[in-house]
């Protein structure tokens, strides 16, 4: 770890600056929205097509690029699905009905359905 002296007399470690830059880059990466499913599927399909074409042309480099594109497209598709699933599950709160009196369950379920929540037995 290398320390540098700032103009105001305080010292700063370069390790801390690198870590701060890495945290900022990670925050920017998380803020990027994943591509839509059509783009990811097109990338994966194009990669698969390139792999098939490479077998006919006997080109290893085209096959490698096709494999990378197919894997990247599949990864982007999975990331988009995961984000969409997390958003849909966080949008509907779950309410356990174990502690509700059985005679009140229809009224509570009706109230929750108007609020957009879902009722589950846990």
C-alpha atoms as a PDB file:
ATOM      1  CA  UNK A   1       0.000   0.000   0.000  1.00  0.00           C
ATOM      2  CA  UNK A   2       1.413   3.386  -1.031  1.00  0.00           C
ATOM      3  CA  UNK A   3       0.394   6.519   0.792  1.00  0.00           C
ATOM      4  CA  UNK A   4       0.390   9.978  -0.740  1.00  0.00           C
ATOM      5  CA  UNK A   5       0.266  13.337   1.001  1.00  0.00           C
ATOM      6  CA  UNK A   6      -2.644  15.597   0.020  1.00  0.00           C
ATOM      7  CA  UNK A   7      -2.303  19.386  -0.149  1.00  0.00           C
ATOM      8  CA  UNK A   8      -4.365  19.785   3.032  1.00  0.00           C
ATOM      9  CA  UNK A   9      -1.890  17.669   5.029  1.00  0.00           C
ATOM     10  CA  UNK A  10      -3.906  14.449   5.112  1.00  0.00           C
ATOM     11  CA  UNK A  11      -2.591  11.226   3.675  1.00  0.00           C
ATOM     12  CA  UNK A  12      -4.495   9.032   1.263  1.00  0.00           C
ATOM     13  CA  UNK A  13      -3.700   5.450   0.403  1.00  0.00           C
ATOM     14  CA  UNK A  14      -3.674   4.526  -3.262  1.00  0.00           C
ATOM     15  CA  UNK A  15      -5.329   1.241  -2.294  1.00  0.00           C
ATOM     16  CA  UNK A  16      -8.299   3.236  -0.951  1.00  0.00           C
ATOM     17  CA  UNK A  17      -8.544   5.273  -4.146  1.00  0.00           C
ATOM     18  CA  UNK A  18      -8.539   2.144  -6.298  1.00  0.00           C
ATOM     19  CA  UNK A  19     -11.202   0.560  -4.101  1.00  0.00           C
ATOM     20  CA  UNK A  20     -13.337   3.700  -4.337  1.00  0.00           C
ATOM     21  CA  UNK A  21     -13.028   3.710  -8.124  1.00  0.00           C
ATOM     22  CA  UNK A  22     -13.952   0.021  -8.236  1.00  0.00           C
ATOM     23  CA  UNK A  23     -17.025   0.641  -6.053  1.00  0.00           C
ATOM     24  CA  UNK A  24     -18.084   3.538  -8.301  1.00  0.00           C
ATOM     25  CA  UNK A  25     -17.645   1.393 -11.431  1.00  0.00           C
ATOM     26  CA  UNK A  26     -19.669  -1.425  -9.854  1.00  0.00           C
ATOM     27  CA  UNK A  27     -22.465   1.002  -8.966  1.00  0.00           C
ATOM     28  CA  UNK A  28     -22.540   2.287 -12.558  1.00  0.00           C
ATOM     29  CA  UNK A  29     -22.630  -1.290 -13.880  1.00  0.00           C
ATOM     30  CA  UNK A  30     -25.557  -2.180 -11.622  1.00  0.00           C
ATOM     31  CA  UNK A  31     -27.421   0.914 -12.832  1.00  0.00           C
ATOM     32  CA  UNK A  32     -27.202  -0.175 -16.479  1.00  0.00           C
ATOM     33  CA  UNK A  33     -30.444  -1.786 -17.472  1.00  0.00           C
ATOM     34  CA  UNK A  34     -30.142  -5.172 -19.127  1.00  0.00           C
ATOM     35  CA  UNK A  35     -30.968  -5.369 -22.828  1.00  0.00           C
ATOM     36  CA  UNK A  36     -34.393  -6.563 -23.840  1.00  0.00           C
ATOM     37  CA  UNK A  37     -34.978 -10.220 -24.581  1.00  0.00           C
ATOM     38  CA  UNK A  38     -35.012  -9.731 -28.353  1.00  0.00           C
ATOM     39  CA  UNK A  39     -31.468  -8.339 -28.372  1.00  0.00           C
ATOM     40  CA  UNK A  40     -30.134 -11.118 -26.150  1.00  0.00           C
ATOM     41  CA  UNK A  41     -31.844 -13.836 -28.190  1.00  0.00           C
ATOM     42  CA  UNK A  42     -30.596 -12.296 -31.445  1.00  0.00           C
ATOM     43  CA  UNK A  43     -27.034 -12.297 -30.108  1.00  0.00           C
ATOM     44  CA  UNK A  44     -27.324 -15.922 -28.949  1.00  0.00           C
ATOM     45  CA  UNK A  45     -28.921 -17.002 -32.230  1.00  0.00           C
ATOM     46  CA  UNK A  46     -26.306 -15.184 -34.278  1.00  0.00           C
ATOM     47  CA  UNK A  47     -23.566 -16.854 -32.274  1.00  0.00           C
ATOM     48  CA  UNK A  48     -25.102 -20.274 -32.835  1.00  0.00           C
ATOM     49  CA  UNK A  49     -25.400 -19.538 -36.550  1.00  0.00           C
ATOM     50  CA  UNK A  50     -21.752 -18.470 -36.665  1.00  0.00           C
ATOM     51  CA  UNK A  51     -20.729 -21.725 -34.979  1.00  0.00           C
ATOM     52  CA  UNK A  52     -22.674 -23.757 -37.543  1.00  0.00           C
ATOM     53  CA  UNK A  53     -21.139 -21.735 -40.367  1.00  0.00           C
ATOM     54  CA  UNK A  54     -17.669 -22.258 -38.918  1.00  0.00           C
ATOM     55  CA  UNK A  55     -18.118 -26.022 -39.123  1.00  0.00           C
ATOM     56  CA  UNK A  56     -18.875 -25.759 -42.828  1.00  0.00           C
ATOM     57  CA  UNK A  57     -15.993 -23.358 -43.455  1.00  0.00           C
ATOM     58  CA  UNK A  58     -13.638 -25.199 -41.080  1.00  0.00           C
ATOM     59  CA  UNK A  59     -12.774 -21.946 -39.350  1.00  0.00           C
ATOM     60  CA  UNK A  60     -11.790 -22.204 -35.691  1.00  0.00           C
ATOM     61  CA  UNK A  61     -11.721 -18.456 -35.161  1.00  0.00           C
ATOM     62  CA  UNK A  62     -15.288 -18.051 -36.476  1.00  0.00           C
ATOM     63  CA  UNK A  63     -16.376 -20.915 -34.231  1.00  0.00           C
ATOM     64  CA  UNK A  64     -14.728 -19.313 -31.202  1.00  0.00           C
ATOM     65  CA  UNK A  65     -16.370 -15.963 -31.882  1.00  0.00           C
ATOM     66  CA  UNK A  66     -19.701 -17.719 -32.399  1.00  0.00           C
ATOM     67  CA  UNK A  67     -19.362 -19.615 -29.127  1.00  0.00           C
ATOM     68  CA  UNK A  68     -18.524 -16.422 -27.245  1.00  0.00           C
ATOM     69  CA  UNK A  69     -21.479 -14.616 -28.833  1.00  0.00           C
ATOM     70  CA  UNK A  70     -23.841 -17.484 -28.032  1.00  0.00           C
ATOM     71  CA  UNK A  71     -22.688 -17.603 -24.412  1.00  0.00           C
ATOM     72  CA  UNK A  72     -22.886 -13.818 -24.064  1.00  0.00           C
ATOM     73  CA  UNK A  73     -26.396 -13.759 -25.517  1.00  0.00           C
ATOM     74  CA  UNK A  74     -27.485 -16.545 -23.188  1.00  0.00           C
ATOM     75  CA  UNK A  75     -25.996 -14.716 -20.220  1.00  0.00           C
ATOM     76  CA  UNK A  76     -27.716 -11.462 -21.142  1.00  0.00           C
ATOM     77  CA  UNK A  77     -31.006 -13.289 -21.578  1.00  0.00           C
ATOM     78  CA  UNK A  78     -30.650 -14.944 -18.168  1.00  0.00           C
ATOM     79  CA  UNK A  79     -29.728 -11.619 -16.550  1.00  0.00           C
ATOM     80  CA  UNK A  80     -32.752  -9.919 -18.071  1.00  0.00           C
ATOM     81  CA  UNK A  81     -35.062 -12.702 -16.916  1.00  0.00           C
ATOM     82  CA  UNK A  82     -33.604 -12.584 -13.406  1.00  0.00           C
ATOM     83  CA  UNK A  83     -34.056  -8.815 -13.157  1.00  0.00           C
ATOM     84  CA  UNK A  84     -37.604  -9.062 -14.480  1.00  0.00           C
ATOM     85  CA  UNK A  85     -38.470 -11.856 -12.041  1.00  0.00           C
ATOM     86  CA  UNK A  86     -37.020  -9.889  -9.113  1.00  0.00           C
ATOM     87  CA  UNK A  87     -39.026  -6.826 -10.103  1.00  0.00           C
ATOM     88  CA  UNK A  88     -42.240  -8.809 -10.388  1.00  0.00           C
ATOM     89  CA  UNK A  89     -41.786 -10.524  -7.024  1.00  0.00           C
ATOM     90  CA  UNK A  90     -40.909  -7.285  -5.261  1.00  0.00           C
ATOM     91  CA  UNK A  91     -43.950  -5.564  -6.762  1.00  0.00           C
ATOM     92  CA  UNK A  92     -46.433  -7.972  -5.162  1.00  0.00           C
ATOM     93  CA  UNK A  93     -46.065  -8.233  -1.390  1.00  0.00           C
ATOM     94  CA  UNK A  94     -46.827 -11.587   0.168  1.00  0.00           C
ATOM     95  CA  UNK A  95     -49.113 -11.822   3.193  1.00  0.00           C
ATOM     96  CA  UNK A  96     -49.276 -14.933   5.363  1.00  0.00           C
ATOM     97  CA  UNK A  97     -52.803 -15.925   6.375  1.00  0.00           C
ATOM     98  CA  UNK A  98     -51.874 -18.246   9.252  1.00  0.00           C
ATOM     99  CA  UNK A  99     -52.660 -15.661  11.937  1.00  0.00           C
ATOM    100  CA  UNK A 100     -56.032 -14.616  10.500  1.00  0.00           C
ATOM    101  CA  UNK A 101     -59.255 -15.891  12.009  1.00  0.00           C
ATOM    102  CA  UNK A 102     -60.849 -18.371   9.543  1.00  0.00           C
ATOM    103  CA  UNK A 103     -64.136 -16.476   9.594  1.00  0.00           C
ATOM    104  CA  UNK A 104     -62.347 -13.261   8.542  1.00  0.00           C
ATOM    105  CA  UNK A 105     -60.303 -14.795   5.689  1.00  0.00           C
ATOM    106  CA  UNK A 106     -62.755 -13.965   2.853  1.00  0.00           C
ATOM    107  CA  UNK A 107     -62.970 -10.315   3.924  1.00  0.00           C
ATOM    108  CA  UNK A 108     -59.184 -10.011   4.284  1.00  0.00           C
ATOM    109  CA  UNK A 109     -58.594 -11.681   0.920  1.00  0.00           C
ATOM    110  CA  UNK A 110     -61.066  -9.285  -0.708  1.00  0.00           C
ATOM    111  CA  UNK A 111     -59.334  -6.286   0.886  1.00  0.00           C
ATOM    112  CA  UNK A 112     -55.912  -7.500  -0.213  1.00  0.00           C
ATOM    113  CA  UNK A 113     -57.035  -8.195  -3.760  1.00  0.00           C
ATOM    114  CA  UNK A 114     -58.166  -4.594  -4.136  1.00  0.00           C
ATOM    115  CA  UNK A 115     -54.754  -3.420  -2.865  1.00  0.00           C
ATOM    116  CA  UNK A 116     -52.865  -5.619  -5.360  1.00  0.00           C
ATOM    117  CA  UNK A 117     -51.247  -7.888  -2.775  1.00  0.00           C
ATOM    118  CA  UNK A 118     -51.305 -11.653  -3.007  1.00  0.00           C
ATOM    119  CA  UNK A 119     -52.355 -14.025  -0.254  1.00  0.00           C
ATOM    120  CA  UNK A 120     -50.317 -17.156   0.431  1.00  0.00           C
ATOM    121  CA  UNK A 121     -50.516 -19.962   2.939  1.00  0.00           C
ATOM    122  CA  UNK A 122     -47.139 -20.362   4.579  1.00  0.00           C
END
